[in-house]
PDB file of all heavy atoms in Angstrom:
ATOM      1  N   PRO A   1      94.111-103.728-207.617  1.00  0.00           N
ATOM      2  CA  PRO A   1      92.938-102.870-207.047  1.00  0.00           C
ATOM      3  C   PRO A   1      91.724-103.153-207.897  1.00  0.00           C
ATOM      4  O   PRO A   1      91.713-103.581-209.105  1.00  0.00           O
ATOM      5  CB  PRO A   1      93.449-101.513-207.220  1.00  0.00           C
ATOM      6  CG  PRO A   1      94.894-101.562-207.429  1.00  0.00           C
ATOM      7  CD  PRO A   1      95.144-102.863-208.088  1.00  0.00           C
ATOM      8  N   ASN A   2      90.570-102.954-207.277  1.00  0.00           N
ATOM      9  CA  ASN A   2      89.169-103.174-207.894  1.00  0.00           C
ATOM     10  C   ASN A   2      88.460-101.864-207.921  1.00  0.00           C
ATOM     11  O   ASN A   2      88.019-101.445-206.763  1.00  0.00           O
ATOM     12  CB  ASN A   2      88.528-104.301-207.218  1.00  0.00           C
ATOM     13  CG  ASN A   2      89.307-105.648-207.211  1.00  0.00           C
ATOM     14  OD1 ASN A   2      89.149-106.419-208.165  1.00  0.00           O
ATOM     15  ND2 ASN A   2      89.987-105.798-206.146  1.00  0.00           N
ATOM     16  N   ALA A   3      88.194-101.291-209.028  1.00  0.00           N
ATOM     17  CA  ALA A   3      87.386-100.047-209.087  1.00  0.00           C
ATOM     18  C   ALA A   3      85.910-100.375-208.822  1.00  0.00           C
ATOM     19  O   ALA A   3      85.345-101.292-209.546  1.00  0.00           O
ATOM     20  CB  ALA A   3      87.542 -99.336-210.335  1.00  0.00           C
ATOM     21  N   ILE A   4      85.242 -99.775-207.856  1.00  0.00           N
ATOM     22  CA  ILE A   4      83.883-100.035-207.587  1.00  0.00           C
ATOM     23  C   ILE A   4      83.104 -98.643-207.357  1.00  0.00           C
ATOM     24  O   ILE A   4      83.691 -97.600-207.154  1.00  0.00           O
ATOM     25  CB  ILE A   4      83.654-100.866-206.349  1.00  0.00           C
ATOM     26  CG1 ILE A   4      83.971-100.242-205.140  1.00  0.00           C
ATOM     27  CG2 ILE A   4      84.361-102.235-206.541  1.00  0.00           C
ATOM     28  CD1 ILE A   4      83.574-100.884-203.838  1.00  0.00           C
ATOM     29  N   SER A   5      81.766 -98.779-207.290  1.00  0.00           N
ATOM     30  CA  SER A   5      80.917 -97.683-206.768  1.00  0.00           C
ATOM     31  C   SER A   5      79.966 -98.286-205.798  1.00  0.00           C
ATOM     32  O   SER A   5      78.989 -98.939-206.170  1.00  0.00           O
ATOM     33  CB  SER A   5      80.211 -96.902-207.815  1.00  0.00           C
ATOM     34  OG  SER A   5      79.239 -96.018-207.291  1.00  0.00           O
ATOM     35  N   ALA A   6      80.159 -98.106-204.454  1.00  0.00           N
ATOM     36  CA  ALA A   6      79.269 -98.699-203.484  1.00  0.00           C
ATOM     37  C   ALA A   6      77.914 -98.066-203.537  1.00  0.00           C
ATOM     38  O   ALA A   6      76.895 -98.753-203.345  1.00  0.00           O
ATOM     39  CB  ALA A   6      79.875 -98.548-202.026  1.00  0.00           C
ATOM     40  N   ALA A   7      77.878 -96.839-203.886  1.00  0.00           N
ATOM     41  CA  ALA A   7      76.585 -96.040-203.973  1.00  0.00           C
ATOM     42  C   ALA A   7      75.692 -96.608-205.115  1.00  0.00           C
ATOM     43  O   ALA A   7      74.508 -96.670-205.115  1.00  0.00           O
ATOM     44  CB  ALA A   7      76.840 -94.576-204.057  1.00  0.00           C
ATOM     45  N   HIS A   8      76.353 -96.937-206.298  1.00  0.00           N
ATOM     46  CA  HIS A   8      75.610 -97.327-207.455  1.00  0.00           C
ATOM     47  C   HIS A   8      75.718 -98.848-207.750  1.00  0.00           C
ATOM     48  O   HIS A   8      75.078 -99.291-208.660  1.00  0.00           O
ATOM     49  CB  HIS A   8      76.217 -96.616-208.670  1.00  0.00           C
ATOM     50  CG  HIS A   8      75.938 -95.092-208.582  1.00  0.00           C
ATOM     51  ND1 HIS A   8      76.868 -94.261-207.950  1.00  0.00           N
ATOM     52  CD2 HIS A   8      74.971 -94.298-209.093  1.00  0.00           C
ATOM     53  CE1 HIS A   8      76.388 -92.970-207.994  1.00  0.00           C
ATOM     54  NE2 HIS A   8      75.288 -93.060-208.704  1.00  0.00           N
ATOM     55  N   GLY A   9      76.542 -99.576-206.976  1.00  0.00           N
ATOM     56  CA  GLY A   9      76.651-101.000-207.122  1.00  0.00           C
ATOM     57  C   GLY A   9      77.603-101.413-208.183  1.00  0.00           C
ATOM     58  O   GLY A   9      77.767-102.654-208.490  1.00  0.00           O
ATOM     59  N   GLU A  10      78.233-100.554-208.891  1.00  0.00           N
ATOM     60  CA  GLU A  10      79.166-100.891-209.997  1.00  0.00           C
ATOM     61  C   GLU A  10      80.413-101.679-209.489  1.00  0.00           C
ATOM     62  O   GLU A  10      81.101-101.183-208.463  1.00  0.00           O
ATOM     63  CB  GLU A  10      79.602 -99.717-210.710  1.00  0.00           C
ATOM     64  CG  GLU A  10      78.488 -98.926-211.399  1.00  0.00           C
ATOM     65  CD  GLU A  10      78.941 -97.579-211.901  1.00  0.00           C
ATOM     66  OE1 GLU A  10      80.107 -97.321-211.936  1.00  0.00           O
ATOM     67  OE2 GLU A  10      77.981 -96.679-212.296  1.00  0.00           O
ATOM     68  N   GLY A  11      80.687-102.811-210.017  1.00  0.00           N
ATOM     69  CA  GLY A  11      81.853-103.613-209.609  1.00  0.00           C
ATOM     70  C   GLY A  11      81.802-104.304-208.287  1.00  0.00           C
ATOM     71  O   GLY A  11      82.768-105.064-207.953  1.00  0.00           O
ATOM     72  N   VAL A  12      80.730-104.117-207.563  1.00  0.00           N
ATOM     73  CA  VAL A  12      80.625-104.700-206.195  1.00  0.00           C
ATOM     74  C   VAL A  12      80.528-106.251-206.302  1.00  0.00           C
ATOM     75  O   VAL A  12      81.252-106.972-205.598  1.00  0.00           O
ATOM     76  CB  VAL A  12      79.439-104.157-205.430  1.00  0.00           C
ATOM     77  CG1 VAL A  12      79.295-104.848-204.097  1.00  0.00           C
ATOM     78  CG2 VAL A  12      79.756-102.706-205.138  1.00  0.00           C
ATOM     79  N   ARG A  13      79.733-106.722-207.241  1.00  0.00           N
ATOM     80  CA  ARG A  13      79.534-108.203-207.319  1.00  0.00           C
ATOM     81  C   ARG A  13      80.838-108.803-207.657  1.00  0.00           C
ATOM     82  O   ARG A  13      81.160-109.906-207.088  1.00  0.00           O
ATOM     83  CB  ARG A  13      78.446-108.510-208.401  1.00  0.00           C
ATOM     84  CG  ARG A  13      78.197-109.979-208.563  1.00  0.00           C
ATOM     85  CD  ARG A  13      77.193-110.309-209.626  1.00  0.00           C
ATOM     86  NE  ARG A  13      76.946-111.837-209.665  1.00  0.00           N
ATOM     87  CZ  ARG A  13      76.189-112.483-208.901  1.00  0.00           C
ATOM     88  NH1 ARG A  13      75.392-111.815-207.989  1.00  0.00           N
ATOM     89  NH2 ARG A  13      76.035-113.841-209.037  1.00  0.00           N
ATOM     90  N   GLY A  14      81.643-108.350-208.581  1.00  0.00           N
ATOM     91  CA  GLY A  14      82.933-108.959-208.970  1.00  0.00           C
ATOM     92  C   GLY A  14      83.852-108.930-207.827  1.00  0.00           C
ATOM     93  O   GLY A  14      84.615-109.911-207.565  1.00  0.00           O
ATOM     94  N   LEU A  15      83.800-107.801-206.972  1.00  0.00           N
ATOM     95  CA  LEU A  15      84.727-107.746-205.866  1.00  0.00           C
ATOM     96  C   LEU A  15      84.401-108.907-204.787  1.00  0.00           C
ATOM     97  O   LEU A  15      85.233-109.564-204.274  1.00  0.00           O
ATOM     98  CB  LEU A  15      84.539-106.400-205.147  1.00  0.00           C
ATOM     99  CG  LEU A  15      85.208-106.163-203.860  1.00  0.00           C
ATOM    100  CD1 LEU A  15      86.742-106.209-204.036  1.00  0.00           C
ATOM    101  CD2 LEU A  15      84.759-104.882-203.205  1.00  0.00           C
ATOM    102  N   VAL A  16      83.037-109.085-204.521  1.00  0.00           N
ATOM    103  CA  VAL A  16      82.625-110.113-203.535  1.00  0.00           C
ATOM    104  C   VAL A  16      82.982-111.481-204.038  1.00  0.00           C
ATOM    105  O   VAL A  16      83.372-112.368-203.353  1.00  0.00           O
ATOM    106  CB  VAL A  16      81.149-109.919-203.205  1.00  0.00           C
ATOM    107  CG1 VAL A  16      80.720-111.048-202.268  1.00  0.00           C
ATOM    108  CG2 VAL A  16      80.905-108.572-202.604  1.00  0.00           C
ATOM    109  N   GLU A  17      82.759-111.673-205.396  1.00  0.00           N
ATOM    110  CA  GLU A  17      83.164-112.932-206.013  1.00  0.00           C
ATOM    111  C   GLU A  17      84.640-113.331-205.761  1.00  0.00           C
ATOM    112  O   GLU A  17      84.999-114.451-205.394  1.00  0.00           O
ATOM    113  CB  GLU A  17      82.848-112.961-207.527  1.00  0.00           C
ATOM    114  CG  GLU A  17      81.323-113.092-207.816  1.00  0.00           C
ATOM    115  CD  GLU A  17      81.186-112.974-209.291  1.00  0.00           C
ATOM    116  OE1 GLU A  17      82.019-112.486-210.076  1.00  0.00           O
ATOM    117  OE2 GLU A  17      79.984-113.271-209.734  1.00  0.00           O
ATOM    118  N   LEU A  18      85.467-112.309-205.932  1.00  0.00           N
ATOM    119  CA  LEU A  18      86.953-112.549-205.614  1.00  0.00           C
ATOM    120  C   LEU A  18      87.174-112.891-204.150  1.00  0.00           C
ATOM    121  O   LEU A  18      87.954-113.819-203.817  1.00  0.00           O
ATOM    122  CB  LEU A  18      87.717-111.275-205.918  1.00  0.00           C
ATOM    123  CG  LEU A  18      87.968-110.996-207.430  1.00  0.00           C
ATOM    124  CD1 LEU A  18      88.597-109.634-207.577  1.00  0.00           C
ATOM    125  CD2 LEU A  18      88.865-112.108-208.034  1.00  0.00           C
ATOM    126  N   ALA A  19      86.469-112.148-203.248  1.00  0.00           N
ATOM    127  CA  ALA A  19      86.710-112.378-201.835  1.00  0.00           C
ATOM    128  C   ALA A  19      86.172-113.805-201.384  1.00  0.00           C
ATOM    129  O   ALA A  19      86.760-114.377-200.436  1.00  0.00           O
ATOM    130  CB  ALA A  19      85.922-111.313-200.990  1.00  0.00           C
ATOM    131  N   LEU A  20      85.152-114.329-202.096  1.00  0.00           N
ATOM    132  CA  LEU A  20      84.527-115.581-201.691  1.00  0.00           C
ATOM    133  C   LEU A  20      85.107-116.734-202.468  1.00  0.00           C
ATOM    134  O   LEU A  20      84.729-117.912-202.263  1.00  0.00           O
ATOM    135  CB  LEU A  20      83.035-115.518-201.791  1.00  0.00           C
ATOM    136  CG  LEU A  20      82.351-114.539-200.893  1.00  0.00           C
ATOM    137  CD1 LEU A  20      80.820-114.616-201.166  1.00  0.00           C
ATOM    138  CD2 LEU A  20      82.589-114.867-199.376  1.00  0.00           C
ATOM    139  N   GLU A  21      85.908-116.486-203.458  1.00  0.00           N
ATOM    140  CA  GLU A  21      86.410-117.484-204.411  1.00  0.00           C
ATOM    141  C   GLU A  21      87.002-118.734-203.767  1.00  0.00           C
ATOM    142  O   GLU A  21      86.857-119.831-204.074  1.00  0.00           O
ATOM    143  CB  GLU A  21      87.417-116.865-205.364  1.00  0.00           C
ATOM    144  CG  GLU A  21      87.703-117.745-206.515  1.00  0.00           C
ATOM    145  CD  GLU A  21      88.627-117.010-207.609  1.00  0.00           C
ATOM    146  OE1 GLU A  21      89.328-116.098-207.179  1.00  0.00           O
ATOM    147  OE2 GLU A  21      88.463-117.340-208.824  1.00  0.00           O
ATOM    148  N   ALA A  22      87.829-118.467-202.720  1.00  0.00           N
ATOM    149  CA  ALA A  22      88.497-119.525-201.992  1.00  0.00           C
ATOM    150  C   ALA A  22      87.632-120.357-200.996  1.00  0.00           C
ATOM    151  O   ALA A  22      88.078-121.485-200.612  1.00  0.00           O
ATOM    152  CB  ALA A  22      89.666-118.939-201.152  1.00  0.00           C
ATOM    153  N   PHE A  23      86.332-119.956-200.818  1.00  0.00           N
ATOM    154  CA  PHE A  23      85.548-120.654-199.877  1.00  0.00           C
ATOM    155  C   PHE A  23      84.573-121.558-200.644  1.00  0.00           C
ATOM    156  O   PHE A  23      83.941-121.209-201.697  1.00  0.00           O
ATOM    157  CB  PHE A  23      84.701-119.575-199.013  1.00  0.00           C
ATOM    158  CG  PHE A  23      85.611-118.699-198.238  1.00  0.00           C
ATOM    159  CD1 PHE A  23      85.838-117.464-198.712  1.00  0.00           C
ATOM    160  CD2 PHE A  23      86.266-119.171-197.056  1.00  0.00           C
ATOM    161  CE1 PHE A  23      86.680-116.566-198.058  1.00  0.00           C
ATOM    162  CE2 PHE A  23      87.052-118.306-196.386  1.00  0.00           C
ATOM    163  CZ  PHE A  23      87.332-116.987-196.898  1.00  0.00           C
ATOM    164  N   PRO A  24      84.398-122.818-200.123  1.00  0.00           N
ATOM    165  CA  PRO A  24      83.531-123.787-200.911  1.00  0.00           C
ATOM    166  C   PRO A  24      81.993-123.440-200.735  1.00  0.00           C
ATOM    167  O   PRO A  24      81.613-122.666-199.916  1.00  0.00           O
ATOM    168  CB  PRO A  24      83.815-125.090-200.108  1.00  0.00           C
ATOM    169  CG  PRO A  24      84.249-124.627-198.724  1.00  0.00           C
ATOM    170  CD  PRO A  24      84.968-123.336-198.871  1.00  0.00           C
ATOM    171  N   GLU A  25      81.316-124.038-201.654  1.00  0.00           N
ATOM    172  CA  GLU A  25      79.815-123.894-201.626  1.00  0.00           C
ATOM    173  C   GLU A  25      79.348-124.544-200.398  1.00  0.00           C
ATOM    174  O   GLU A  25      79.914-125.565-199.940  1.00  0.00           O
ATOM    175  CB  GLU A  25      79.202-124.608-202.855  1.00  0.00           C
ATOM    176  CG  GLU A  25      79.542-123.978-204.211  1.00  0.00           C
ATOM    177  CD  GLU A  25      78.746-122.719-204.465  1.00  0.00           C
ATOM    178  OE1 GLU A  25      77.716-122.614-203.804  1.00  0.00           O
ATOM    179  OE2 GLU A  25      79.142-121.954-205.368  1.00  0.00           O
ATOM    180  N   PRO A  26      78.336-124.053-199.758  1.00  0.00           N
ATOM    181  CA  PRO A  26      77.777-124.748-198.569  1.00  0.00           C
ATOM    182  C   PRO A  26      77.171-126.083-198.840  1.00  0.00           C
ATOM    183  O   PRO A  26      76.614-126.337-199.881  1.00  0.00           O
ATOM    184  CB  PRO A  26      76.619-123.707-198.048  1.00  0.00           C
ATOM    185  CG  PRO A  26      76.307-123.004-199.273  1.00  0.00           C
ATOM    186  CD  PRO A  26      77.565-122.877-200.064  1.00  0.00           C
ATOM    187  N   ASP A  27      77.446-127.061-197.895  1.00  0.00           N
ATOM    188  CA  ASP A  27      76.939-128.315-198.056  1.00  0.00           C
ATOM    189  C   ASP A  27      75.536-128.487-197.510  1.00  0.00           C
ATOM    190  O   ASP A  27      75.359-128.514-196.256  1.00  0.00           O
ATOM    191  CB  ASP A  27      77.833-129.397-197.390  1.00  0.00           C
ATOM    192  CG  ASP A  27      77.488-130.823-197.647  1.00  0.00           C
ATOM    193  OD1 ASP A  27      76.432-131.047-198.405  1.00  0.00           O
ATOM    194  OD2 ASP A  27      78.179-131.734-197.203  1.00  0.00           O
TER     195      ASP A  27
END
């Protein structure tokens, strides 16, 4: 699990990094 605060932005960047980790950079 990933603790976040959507209202304050805490932990959100790390969560999205995890979700996008498997996808390549755009060419």
